[in-house]
Amino acid sequence: CISVCPSAKRSPHTFKGPTAYALEARHYFDPRDEQNRGLILKSEGIELCIQCNACSEVCPHNVDPAGLIRMMKSDIENK
């Protein structure tokens, strides 16, 4: 999914990539986690995702990185 991501290509040093954000989602949505994951995700460039859904379309594991990123970005913006 990283190879098709325009944000990862455009900003490889500031955008962590769809795979990393999908992995981060397990902590973000875990109510037991007390870290400020929103702040962490912002520092890792999640706002640079343009929601093109290319990562989800090619994901070999049927994960929806774009959907997870969309949910996290929306939650961060609404806090």
Protein backbone atom coordinates (compact mmCIF):
# COMPACT_ATOMS: atom_id res chain seq x y z
CA CYS A 1 0.00 0.00 0.00
CA ILE A 2 2.90 2.37 0.58
CA SER A 3 4.03 2.12 -3.03
CA VAL A 4 0.69 3.46 -4.34
CA CYS A 5 0.31 6.22 -1.74
CA PRO A 6 0.76 9.70 -3.26
CA SER A 7 1.24 11.28 0.18
CA ALA A 8 4.04 8.85 1.04
CA LYS A 9 5.72 9.62 -2.29
CA ARG A 10 5.32 13.38 -1.88
CA SER A 11 6.35 13.58 1.80
CA PRO A 12 8.34 10.45 2.72
CA HIS A 13 10.01 12.10 5.69
CA THR A 14 6.89 13.64 7.23
CA PHE A 15 4.15 11.14 6.31
CA LYS A 16 4.50 7.82 8.10
CA GLY A 17 2.44 5.85 5.56
CA PRO A 18 -0.82 3.89 5.47
CA THR A 19 0.62 0.68 6.91
CA ALA A 20 2.02 2.45 9.95
CA TYR A 21 -1.24 4.31 10.57
CA ALA A 22 -3.25 1.09 10.26
CA LEU A 23 -1.00 -0.48 12.88
CA GLU A 24 -1.31 2.60 15.09
CA ALA A 25 -5.11 2.33 14.94
CA ARG A 26 -5.08 -0.70 17.23
CA HIS A 27 -3.70 1.52 20.00
CA TYR A 28 -5.70 4.60 19.06
CA PHE A 29 -9.04 2.83 19.44
CA ASP A 30 -8.06 0.82 22.53
CA PRO A 31 -9.83 2.48 25.47
CA ARG A 32 -7.14 1.20 27.85
CA ASP A 33 -4.43 3.18 26.08
CA GLU A 34 -3.70 6.40 27.94
CA GLN A 35 -1.29 7.94 25.45
CA ASN A 36 -2.34 11.04 23.53
CA ARG A 37 -2.42 9.18 20.22
CA GLY A 38 -3.99 12.14 18.44
CA LEU A 39 -0.94 14.23 19.19
CA ILE A 40 1.35 11.38 18.18
CA LEU A 41 -0.49 10.89 14.89
CA LYS A 42 -0.38 14.60 14.13
CA SER A 43 3.38 14.61 14.71
CA GLU A 44 3.66 11.64 12.33
CA GLY A 45 1.85 13.51 9.54
CA ILE A 46 -1.57 11.84 9.46
CA GLU A 47 -3.13 15.08 8.24
CA LEU A 48 -1.16 14.72 4.99
CA CYS A 49 -3.37 11.80 3.92
CA ILE A 50 -5.47 12.96 0.96
CA GLN A 51 -8.01 10.12 1.29
CA CYS A 52 -7.51 8.79 -2.24
CA ASN A 53 -8.21 5.22 -0.99
CA ALA A 54 -5.46 3.76 -3.19
CA CYS A 55 -3.92 1.97 -0.19
CA SER A 56 -7.18 0.22 0.67
CA GLU A 57 -7.79 -0.80 -2.93
CA VAL A 58 -4.48 -2.67 -3.19
CA CYS A 59 -4.15 -4.01 0.35
CA PRO A 60 -3.28 -7.72 0.10
CA HIS A 61 -4.59 -8.37 3.63
CA ASN A 62 -8.02 -6.76 3.09
CA VAL A 63 -7.27 -4.09 5.68
CA ASP A 64 -8.82 -0.68 5.07
CA PRO A 65 -5.99 1.73 5.93
CA ALA A 66 -7.80 4.65 4.31
CA GLY A 67 -10.91 4.00 6.39
CA LEU A 68 -8.90 3.74 9.60
CA ILE A 69 -7.03 6.94 8.78
CA ARG A 70 -10.32 8.69 7.98
CA MET A 71 -11.81 7.62 11.33
CA MET A 72 -8.73 8.70 13.30
CA LYS A 73 -8.49 12.06 11.51
CA SER A 74 -12.17 12.74 12.12
CA ASP A 75 -11.84 11.82 15.80
CA ILE A 76 -8.75 13.99 16.23
CA GLU A 77 -10.49 16.97 14.59
CA ASN A 78 -13.57 16.56 16.79
CA LYS A 79 -11.65 16.54 20.09
